[in-house]
Amino acid sequence: MCNGKKDVYDPDGRIGYASSSYVKGLTCQWILHGKPGTPVTLSFIHINITKNLDFLAINNGTKQQIANFSGSYSESDLPKMNLTGEVTIIFATQTDEGEGWSAKFHISSPVDRNKKVWLVIVIVVLANYISHCFAFFVALAILKRRRMHKTSMDSVEELMQVRVDINRELNRIGEGPSAIVYRAVSTNGNTVAVKSRRDSSSDTGLEEEILLKSSFHPHIVSLLGHAQAQNGLRQRCLIFEFMQRGSLRWNLREDGGTLDWEKRLEIVLQICSAIQMLHMYSKPPIFHGNITSENILLDEFYNAKLSGFGAASYFSSTRNPEETSEMAEDICSFGLLLVELLQGEPVVNRQGCRNFSRLEQINDLVGGGIEFLDQRLAIPEENWKVMGLAKLGEIAKWCIGSCCRIEGNENDAKIGDVLSGLRQVKQLFCSV
């Protein structure tokens, strides 16, 4: 069993999770404490975890993600990683099915645990001394901090600063009402995406905090740090991994014929998994607030990642009961995304769909026949695939109905149930 964080100082050993009782909802960390710049080797013995739902993330320290593994790996495919310094391994589960994983490690020059303990003791003693000298001021600061959520300053301390070079005119790759995204090159030569807010005075603290908690998920875009930008970008900019194929919206519009039904189904499964992590496994639950095809990015292999967290927030339990809950709004947006993938075009009046009062309006939007499907793709010849697409349309209707005031509709969709329905569609597509 694993839970929480485990510090490792031994030069050689074995780590992993291979319990006979596989548990859903775990988030575990192993930190291999190598001295800065010294080699750390990680050799996996076996990996058999539920694909796209359970995953292993390998981080450089606790900040920059190096790799992400999910699924079952054969003996010849098992990764061996040569790293340096402090290495963090994060294991998270969203299912209770799997056989776990294990790995051997070798730390060529471990940090001296005893020296670290003495350093902690000295710091604690000094802190106690200082606290007695400034007891009144410290007490006031603690009370104030406990009453406040994390501020942007907390995120400043947790994020690496990355120097990037941006050509603002040539490398603009995306923009929205509140931000512009540029392609840039970091000092280590990697291509990254830089998000610059239009309002230089706007606070990115909550967005950074939420991304630091959630971007280790394999289908949420990774936050790498913040920029000390050149060429006139003076405000704080966020640095993200660069996704080669751009947004799902662009791919559907410009190259929709290459996104066959199987790829589209895999994309919705991946994004639904990301939303499930935000809604069900984050403490407190996270509301994304802007789930659209423009905020879904694809890598070179058509793997999807959810981005666009500028409107994200924590779920509010004090919201007016007469209003639609934040979770229902996210699920409704996901339903509109399903319609876009089925029909090949974005829903024009997204806000109007939220005001539907009759089931007939939802049925007219989604449709029910092959004439409503994206005409650039061939209709599958297999009956079970046609049944799968029909079921995908029913799931879309169910999701959209979550934020509509329709009389007699009390079976609101929950993200876990939506994900189960999508898996059934995948089973139909895989039938023989």
Protein backbone atom coordinates (compact mmCIF):
# COMPACT_ATOMS: atom_id res chain seq x y z
CA MET A 1 0.00 0.00 0.00
CA CYS A 2 1.17 3.55 -0.62
CA ASN A 3 -0.19 6.87 0.48
CA GLY A 4 1.47 10.26 0.67
CA LYS A 5 5.22 10.85 0.25
CA LYS A 6 8.19 8.54 0.85
CA ASP A 7 11.77 9.88 0.94
CA VAL A 8 14.46 7.51 -0.38
CA TYR A 9 18.15 7.99 0.50
CA ASP A 10 19.48 4.45 -0.10
CA PRO A 11 21.91 4.11 -3.03
CA ASP A 12 20.13 1.01 -4.40
CA GLY A 13 16.72 -0.52 -3.94
CA ARG A 14 13.29 -1.21 -5.29
CA ILE A 15 10.11 0.86 -5.26
CA GLY A 16 6.59 0.32 -6.56
CA TYR A 17 3.03 -0.64 -5.81
CA ALA A 18 2.25 -4.32 -6.23
CA SER A 19 -0.38 -4.87 -3.56
CA SER A 20 -2.95 -7.61 -4.05
CA SER A 21 -5.55 -5.04 -2.98
CA TYR A 22 -5.55 -2.50 -5.80
CA VAL A 23 -7.14 0.73 -4.49
CA LYS A 24 -8.88 3.55 -6.36
CA GLY A 25 -8.09 7.17 -5.52
CA LEU A 26 -4.43 6.84 -4.46
CA THR A 27 -1.86 9.56 -5.00
CA CYS A 28 1.61 8.45 -3.89
CA GLN A 29 5.09 9.93 -4.25
CA TRP A 30 8.59 8.51 -4.01
CA ILE A 31 11.43 11.04 -3.89
CA LEU A 32 14.89 9.70 -4.75
CA HIS A 33 17.31 12.12 -3.09
CA GLY A 34 20.36 12.31 -5.36
CA LYS A 35 22.85 15.13 -5.04
CA PRO A 36 22.45 17.85 -7.72
CA GLY A 37 23.93 16.83 -11.06
CA THR A 38 24.74 13.23 -10.05
CA PRO A 39 23.29 10.22 -11.97
CA VAL A 40 20.09 8.47 -10.86
CA THR A 41 19.01 5.34 -12.79
CA LEU A 42 15.44 4.02 -12.80
CA SER A 43 14.79 0.58 -14.39
CA PHE A 44 11.19 -0.62 -14.50
CA ILE A 45 10.58 -4.32 -13.79
CA HIS A 46 6.88 -4.34 -14.70
CA ILE A 47 4.07 -1.84 -15.43
CA ASN A 48 0.46 -3.04 -15.65
CA ILE A 49 -1.98 -0.25 -14.78
CA THR A 50 -5.25 0.88 -16.34
CA LYS A 51 -4.51 2.86 -19.51
CA ASN A 52 -5.49 6.57 -19.53
CA LEU A 53 -6.84 6.37 -15.97
CA ASP A 54 -3.96 5.24 -13.74
CA PHE A 55 -0.51 6.62 -14.43
CA LEU A 56 3.11 7.08 -13.38
CA ALA A 57 4.67 10.51 -13.75
CA ILE A 58 8.45 10.99 -13.51
CA ASN A 59 9.49 14.50 -12.49
CA ASN A 60 12.78 16.36 -12.32
CA GLY A 61 12.55 17.25 -8.65
CA THR A 62 8.95 18.23 -8.03
CA LYS A 63 8.58 20.68 -10.92
CA GLN A 64 9.44 19.64 -14.49
CA GLN A 65 7.78 16.50 -15.82
CA ILE A 66 10.13 14.16 -17.71
CA ALA A 67 7.86 11.25 -18.65
CA ASN A 68 4.40 9.79 -18.12
CA PHE A 69 3.47 6.09 -18.31
CA SER A 70 0.01 4.54 -18.43
CA GLY A 71 -1.15 1.08 -19.54
CA SER A 72 0.52 -2.32 -19.74
CA TYR A 73 4.11 -2.70 -20.97
CA SER A 74 5.75 -5.86 -22.28
CA GLU A 75 9.20 -6.86 -21.04
CA SER A 76 10.90 -5.46 -24.16
CA ASP A 77 9.09 -2.11 -23.84
CA LEU A 78 9.80 -1.45 -20.16
CA PRO A 79 11.52 1.94 -19.83
CA LYS A 80 14.96 2.53 -18.32
CA MET A 81 15.65 6.15 -17.40
CA ASN A 82 18.97 7.88 -16.78
CA LEU A 83 18.28 10.99 -14.70
CA THR A 84 20.18 13.31 -12.38
CA GLY A 85 19.75 14.85 -8.96
CA GLU A 86 16.43 14.62 -7.14
CA VAL A 87 13.81 12.49 -8.92
CA THR A 88 10.11 12.34 -8.02
CA ILE A 89 7.87 9.43 -9.04
CA ILE A 90 4.11 10.07 -8.74
CA PHE A 91 1.59 7.21 -8.93
CA ALA A 92 -2.15 7.95 -9.09
CA THR A 93 -5.13 5.63 -9.53
CA GLN A 94 -8.65 6.30 -10.73
CA THR A 95 -9.63 2.61 -10.87
CA ASP A 96 -9.43 -0.46 -8.63
CA GLU A 97 -8.26 -2.80 -11.42
CA GLY A 98 -4.62 -3.52 -12.18
CA GLU A 99 -1.48 -5.32 -11.11
CA GLY A 100 0.60 -2.28 -10.22
CA TRP A 101 4.24 -1.59 -11.07
CA SER A 102 7.77 -1.89 -9.70
CA ALA A 103 11.21 -0.50 -10.51
CA LYS A 104 14.84 -0.80 -9.41
CA PHE A 105 16.78 2.38 -8.71
CA HIS A 106 20.42 3.34 -8.31
CA ILE A 107 21.46 6.69 -6.81
CA SER A 108 25.17 7.20 -7.52
CA SER A 109 25.56 9.90 -4.85
CA PRO A 110 22.65 10.02 -2.36
CA VAL A 111 22.04 13.02 -0.14
CA ASP A 112 23.26 12.41 3.42
CA ARG A 113 20.08 11.83 5.40
CA ASN A 114 21.77 12.64 8.74
CA LYS A 115 23.08 15.98 7.52
CA LYS A 116 19.62 16.81 6.26
CA VAL A 117 18.11 15.89 9.65
CA TRP A 118 20.62 18.11 11.47
CA LEU A 119 19.90 20.94 9.06
CA VAL A 120 16.19 20.59 9.78
CA ILE A 121 16.86 20.61 13.53
CA VAL A 122 18.96 23.78 13.27
CA ILE A 123 16.28 25.47 11.18
CA VAL A 124 13.58 24.46 13.68
CA VAL A 125 15.59 25.83 16.61
CA LEU A 126 16.22 29.12 14.83
CA ALA A 127 12.59 29.33 13.82
CA ASN A 128 11.49 28.82 17.43
CA TYR A 129 13.88 31.51 18.60
CA ILE A 130 12.67 33.98 16.00
CA SER A 131 9.05 33.12 16.71
CA HIS A 132 9.51 34.00 20.39
CA CYS A 133 11.06 37.33 19.42
CA PHE A 134 8.24 38.21 17.06
CA ALA A 135 5.38 36.23 18.60
CA PHE A 136 2.76 38.89 18.17
CA PHE A 137 3.47 39.52 14.50
CA VAL A 138 3.83 35.84 13.65
CA ALA A 139 0.51 35.03 15.34
CA LEU A 140 -1.26 37.66 13.32
CA ALA A 141 0.33 36.38 10.08
CA ILE A 142 -0.67 32.77 10.81
CA LEU A 143 -4.29 33.74 11.53
CA LYS A 144 -4.46 35.74 8.34
CA ARG A 145 -2.89 32.95 6.26
CA ARG A 146 -5.34 30.36 7.59
CA ARG A 147 -8.27 32.46 6.50
CA MET A 148 -7.01 32.91 2.96
CA HIS A 149 -6.59 30.61 0.02
CA LYS A 150 -3.20 30.27 -1.56
CA THR A 151 -2.13 33.49 -3.21
CA SER A 152 -0.17 34.07 -6.35
CA MET A 153 2.99 34.44 -4.24
CA ASP A 154 2.70 30.77 -3.23
CA SER A 155 2.71 29.83 -6.89
CA VAL A 156 5.69 32.09 -7.57
CA GLU A 157 7.74 30.09 -5.06
CA GLU A 158 6.66 26.73 -6.48
CA LEU A 159 7.19 27.44 -10.18
CA MET A 160 10.54 27.34 -11.91
CA GLN A 161 11.56 30.49 -13.72
CA VAL A 162 12.38 29.82 -17.38
CA ARG A 163 14.02 32.30 -19.73
CA VAL A 164 12.48 32.18 -23.18
CA ASP A 165 12.94 34.04 -26.44
CA ILE A 166 9.69 35.07 -28.15
CA ASN A 167 9.13 36.55 -31.56
CA ARG A 168 5.70 38.01 -30.90
CA GLU A 169 4.63 38.52 -34.50
CA LEU A 170 5.87 35.33 -36.16
CA ASN A 171 5.19 32.82 -33.39
CA ARG A 172 1.65 33.61 -32.25
CA ILE A 173 -0.08 30.21 -32.22
CA GLY A 174 -3.36 30.93 -30.46
CA GLU A 175 -5.43 33.57 -28.75
CA GLY A 176 -8.61 34.02 -26.77
CA PRO A 177 -10.49 36.89 -25.16
CA SER A 178 -8.14 37.01 -22.15
CA ALA A 179 -4.78 35.66 -23.35
CA ILE A 180 -2.42 35.11 -26.29
CA VAL A 181 -0.24 32.02 -26.73
CA TYR A 182 3.18 32.13 -28.40
CA ARG A 183 5.63 29.49 -29.50
CA ALA A 184 9.02 30.04 -27.85
CA VAL A 185 12.37 28.40 -27.20
CA SER A 186 13.67 27.95 -23.65
CA THR A 187 17.30 28.24 -22.64
CA ASN A 188 17.74 24.44 -22.82
CA GLY A 189 16.63 24.47 -26.48
CA ASN A 190 13.17 22.96 -26.01
CA THR A 191 10.14 24.35 -27.82
CA VAL A 192 7.49 25.53 -25.34
CA ALA A 193 4.19 27.41 -25.37
CA VAL A 194 4.00 30.76 -23.54
CA LYS A 195 0.66 32.08 -22.34
CA SER A 196 0.56 35.86 -21.96
CA ARG A 197 -2.50 37.55 -20.45
CA ARG A 198 -3.90 40.53 -22.35
CA ASP A 199 -4.43 42.38 -19.08
CA SER A 200 -0.94 42.70 -17.61
CA SER A 201 -2.40 43.43 -14.16
CA SER A 202 -4.53 40.26 -14.00
CA ASP A 203 -3.60 37.69 -11.37
CA THR A 204 -2.57 34.18 -12.47
CA GLY A 205 -2.29 32.84 -8.92
CA LEU A 206 -5.39 30.62 -8.89
CA GLU A 207 -4.69 29.25 -12.37
CA GLU A 208 -1.13 28.34 -11.35
CA GLU A 209 -2.29 26.75 -8.10
CA ILE A 210 -4.87 24.56 -9.87
CA LEU A 211 -2.42 23.54 -12.60
CA LEU A 212 0.26 22.63 -10.04
CA LYS A 213 -2.25 20.27 -8.44
CA SER A 214 -3.58 18.70 -11.64
CA SER A 215 -1.11 18.92 -14.54
CA PHE A 216 0.58 15.62 -13.57
CA HIS A 217 -2.44 13.90 -15.15
CA PRO A 218 -1.42 12.47 -18.56
CA HIS A 219 -4.30 14.28 -20.32
CA ILE A 220 -3.95 17.71 -18.71
CA VAL A 221 -1.40 20.03 -20.30
CA SER A 222 1.81 20.25 -18.22
CA LEU A 223 2.72 23.56 -16.59
CA LEU A 224 6.54 23.84 -16.75
CA GLY A 225 7.15 27.19 -15.10
CA HIS A 226 6.84 30.93 -15.57
CA ALA A 227 8.75 33.12 -17.98
CA GLN A 228 11.32 35.81 -17.62
CA ALA A 229 10.46 36.86 -21.17
CA GLN A 230 12.37 39.04 -23.60
CA ASN A 231 11.15 41.24 -26.45
CA GLY A 232 8.68 43.36 -24.56
CA LEU A 233 6.55 40.83 -22.64
CA ARG A 234 6.77 42.40 -19.20
CA GLN A 235 3.93 40.70 -17.34
CA ARG A 236 4.10 37.24 -15.77
CA CYS A 237 3.77 34.54 -18.44
CA LEU A 238 3.11 30.84 -17.92
CA ILE A 239 5.20 28.18 -19.71
CA PHE A 240 3.49 25.00 -20.97
CA GLU A 241 4.63 21.95 -22.91
CA PHE A 242 4.30 22.46 -26.67
CA MET A 243 1.65 20.32 -28.39
CA GLN A 244 2.67 19.78 -32.00
CA ARG A 245 -0.74 19.41 -33.67
CA GLY A 246 -2.39 22.37 -32.00
CA SER A 247 -6.02 22.59 -30.96
CA LEU A 248 -8.72 20.02 -31.65
CA ARG A 249 -10.82 22.84 -33.18
CA TRP A 250 -8.12 23.56 -35.77
CA ASN A 251 -7.63 19.87 -36.57
CA LEU A 252 -11.37 19.30 -37.08
CA ARG A 253 -11.69 22.33 -39.33
CA GLU A 254 -8.50 21.98 -41.40
CA ASP A 255 -7.78 18.26 -41.33
CA GLY A 256 -10.94 16.57 -40.11
CA GLY A 257 -10.69 13.69 -42.56
CA THR A 258 -7.63 12.32 -40.74
CA LEU A 259 -9.48 12.26 -37.42
CA ASP A 260 -11.35 9.00 -37.94
CA TRP A 261 -14.02 7.71 -35.56
CA GLU A 262 -11.53 5.66 -33.53
CA LYS A 263 -9.27 8.69 -32.97
CA ARG A 264 -12.24 10.86 -31.98
CA LEU A 265 -13.47 8.24 -29.52
CA GLU A 266 -10.01 7.99 -27.95
CA ILE A 267 -9.86 11.79 -27.61
CA VAL A 268 -13.19 11.99 -25.72
CA LEU A 269 -12.13 9.13 -23.43
CA GLN A 270 -8.89 10.94 -22.61
CA ILE A 271 -10.58 14.28 -21.93
CA CYS A 272 -13.35 12.64 -19.88
CA SER A 273 -10.64 11.00 -17.76
CA ALA A 274 -9.08 14.45 -17.15
CA ILE A 275 -12.44 15.93 -16.13
CA GLN A 276 -13.05 12.99 -13.80
CA MET A 277 -9.77 13.71 -12.05
CA LEU A 278 -10.76 17.39 -11.60
CA HIS A 279 -14.29 16.62 -10.36
CA MET A 280 -13.79 13.45 -8.31
CA TYR A 281 -10.18 13.12 -7.17
CA SER A 282 -9.09 16.71 -6.56
CA LYS A 283 -9.54 18.00 -3.02
CA PRO A 284 -11.44 20.31 -3.19
CA PRO A 285 -13.07 19.49 -6.56
CA ILE A 286 -12.02 21.70 -9.48
CA PHE A 287 -14.39 23.35 -11.98
CA HIS A 288 -12.73 23.91 -15.38
CA GLY A 289 -15.25 26.39 -16.76
CA ASN A 290 -14.19 26.43 -20.43
CA ILE A 291 -14.23 22.93 -21.95
CA THR A 292 -14.17 23.55 -25.71
CA SER A 293 -12.34 22.08 -28.69
CA GLU A 294 -10.09 25.17 -28.69
CA ASN A 295 -8.85 24.21 -25.24
CA ILE A 296 -8.06 20.61 -26.16
CA LEU A 297 -4.57 20.18 -27.61
CA LEU A 298 -3.17 17.25 -29.61
CA ASP A 299 0.36 15.92 -29.75
CA GLU A 300 1.98 14.32 -32.79
CA PHE A 301 0.28 10.97 -32.02
CA TYR A 302 -3.19 12.56 -31.59
CA ASN A 303 -3.13 12.16 -27.80
CA ALA A 304 -5.33 14.86 -26.25
CA LYS A 305 -4.67 17.16 -23.30
CA LEU A 306 -7.05 19.59 -21.61
CA SER A 307 -5.80 23.18 -21.39
CA GLY A 308 -7.34 26.65 -20.94
CA PHE A 309 -7.53 26.84 -17.15
CA GLY A 310 -7.88 30.62 -17.02
CA ALA A 311 -11.52 30.35 -15.86
CA ALA A 312 -10.95 27.38 -13.53
CA SER A 313 -11.89 27.57 -9.86
CA TYR A 314 -12.75 25.38 -6.92
CA PHE A 315 -16.28 23.99 -6.60
CA SER A 316 -18.46 26.31 -4.52
CA SER A 317 -20.83 24.60 -2.07
CA THR A 318 -22.51 27.95 -1.32
CA ARG A 319 -23.84 28.47 -4.84
CA ASN A 320 -27.54 29.32 -5.22
CA PRO A 321 -29.48 26.00 -5.48
CA GLU A 322 -31.57 27.54 -8.28
CA GLU A 323 -28.43 27.91 -10.42
CA THR A 324 -26.79 25.14 -12.40
CA SER A 325 -23.85 23.66 -10.51
CA GLU A 326 -20.33 24.17 -11.82
CA MET A 327 -19.92 20.42 -12.34
CA ALA A 328 -23.10 20.28 -14.45
CA GLU A 329 -21.80 23.18 -16.56
CA ASP A 330 -18.57 21.28 -17.28
CA ILE A 331 -20.52 18.14 -18.20
CA CYS A 332 -22.83 20.12 -20.47
CA SER A 333 -19.78 21.60 -22.23
CA PHE A 334 -18.40 18.09 -22.64
CA GLY A 335 -21.73 17.06 -24.24
CA LEU A 336 -21.41 19.91 -26.75
CA LEU A 337 -17.86 18.71 -27.47
CA LEU A 338 -19.27 15.24 -28.27
CA VAL A 339 -21.73 16.84 -30.72
CA GLU A 340 -18.85 18.68 -32.42
CA LEU A 341 -16.87 15.47 -32.83
CA LEU A 342 -19.89 13.61 -34.20
CA GLN A 343 -20.91 16.34 -36.65
CA GLY A 344 -17.47 17.80 -37.48
CA GLU A 345 -18.53 21.38 -36.75
CA PRO A 346 -18.72 23.43 -33.53
CA VAL A 347 -22.11 24.19 -32.00
CA VAL A 348 -22.84 27.80 -32.99
CA ASN A 349 -25.02 28.91 -30.07
CA ARG A 350 -23.43 27.18 -27.10
CA GLN A 351 -25.05 29.48 -24.54
CA GLY A 352 -28.48 29.01 -26.07
CA CYS A 353 -28.20 25.24 -25.60
CA ARG A 354 -28.01 25.79 -21.85
CA ASN A 355 -31.47 27.36 -21.89
CA PHE A 356 -33.26 24.42 -23.52
CA SER A 357 -36.53 23.60 -21.78
CA ARG A 358 -37.66 20.59 -23.84
CA LEU A 359 -36.04 17.30 -24.74
CA GLU A 360 -37.05 17.86 -28.37
CA GLN A 361 -34.65 20.81 -28.57
CA ILE A 362 -31.73 18.60 -27.49
CA ASN A 363 -32.80 15.87 -29.93
CA ASP A 364 -32.92 18.38 -32.79
CA LEU A 365 -29.41 19.63 -31.91
CA VAL A 366 -27.75 16.22 -31.70
CA GLY A 367 -29.85 14.35 -34.25
CA GLY A 368 -30.21 10.61 -34.44
CA GLY A 369 -29.43 9.46 -37.98
CA ILE A 370 -26.36 9.04 -40.13
CA GLU A 371 -27.19 12.27 -41.96
CA PHE A 372 -26.10 14.16 -38.82
CA LEU A 373 -22.63 12.59 -38.78
CA ASP A 374 -19.49 14.26 -40.20
CA GLN A 375 -19.80 13.65 -43.96
CA ARG A 376 -16.03 13.71 -44.43
CA LEU A 377 -15.80 10.31 -42.74
CA ALA A 378 -17.19 7.07 -44.08
CA ILE A 379 -20.08 5.56 -42.16
CA PRO A 380 -18.81 2.33 -40.57
CA GLU A 381 -19.99 -0.85 -42.26
CA GLU A 382 -20.07 -2.84 -39.03
CA ASN A 383 -23.41 -2.67 -37.22
CA TRP A 384 -21.76 -2.57 -33.80
CA LYS A 385 -19.80 0.57 -34.74
CA VAL A 386 -22.98 2.25 -35.96
CA MET A 387 -24.57 1.29 -32.63
CA GLY A 388 -21.54 2.80 -30.88
CA LEU A 389 -21.95 6.14 -32.67
CA ALA A 390 -25.67 6.13 -31.81
CA LYS A 391 -24.82 5.54 -28.16
CA LEU A 392 -22.27 8.37 -28.32
CA GLY A 393 -25.08 10.66 -29.47
CA GLU A 394 -27.26 9.54 -26.54
CA ILE A 395 -24.43 10.28 -24.12
CA ALA A 396 -24.11 13.76 -25.67
CA LYS A 397 -27.85 14.39 -25.10
CA TRP A 398 -27.57 13.15 -21.52
CA CYS A 399 -24.65 15.50 -20.81
CA ILE A 400 -26.33 18.56 -22.38
CA GLY A 401 -29.49 17.86 -20.36
CA SER A 402 -27.48 18.24 -17.14
CA CYS A 403 -27.65 22.04 -17.23
CA CYS A 404 -31.11 22.40 -18.80
CA ARG A 405 -34.31 22.99 -16.86
CA ILE A 406 -36.34 20.19 -18.41
CA GLU A 407 -39.38 18.98 -16.48
CA GLY A 408 -39.14 15.35 -15.43
CA ASN A 409 -35.40 15.13 -16.16
CA GLU A 410 -33.91 14.22 -12.77
CA ASN A 411 -31.20 11.80 -13.93
CA ASP A 412 -28.36 14.31 -14.26
CA ALA A 413 -25.13 12.96 -15.68
CA LYS A 414 -22.14 12.49 -13.37
CA ILE A 415 -18.68 12.37 -14.89
CA GLY A 416 -17.95 8.86 -13.60
CA ASP A 417 -21.11 7.53 -15.24
CA VAL A 418 -20.31 9.37 -18.48
CA LEU A 419 -16.87 7.75 -18.55
CA SER A 420 -18.45 4.31 -18.02
CA GLY A 421 -20.78 4.96 -20.98
CA LEU A 422 -17.87 5.97 -23.20
CA ARG A 423 -16.03 2.76 -22.31
CA GLN A 424 -19.08 0.80 -23.44
CA VAL A 425 -18.91 2.64 -26.77
CA LYS A 426 -15.25 1.68 -27.08
CA GLN A 427 -16.14 -1.95 -26.37
CA LEU A 428 -18.66 -1.82 -29.22
CA PHE A 429 -15.98 -0.40 -31.54
CA CYS A 430 -13.62 -3.19 -30.54
CA SER A 431 -16.17 -6.00 -30.99
CA VAL A 432 -15.32 -8.79 -33.41
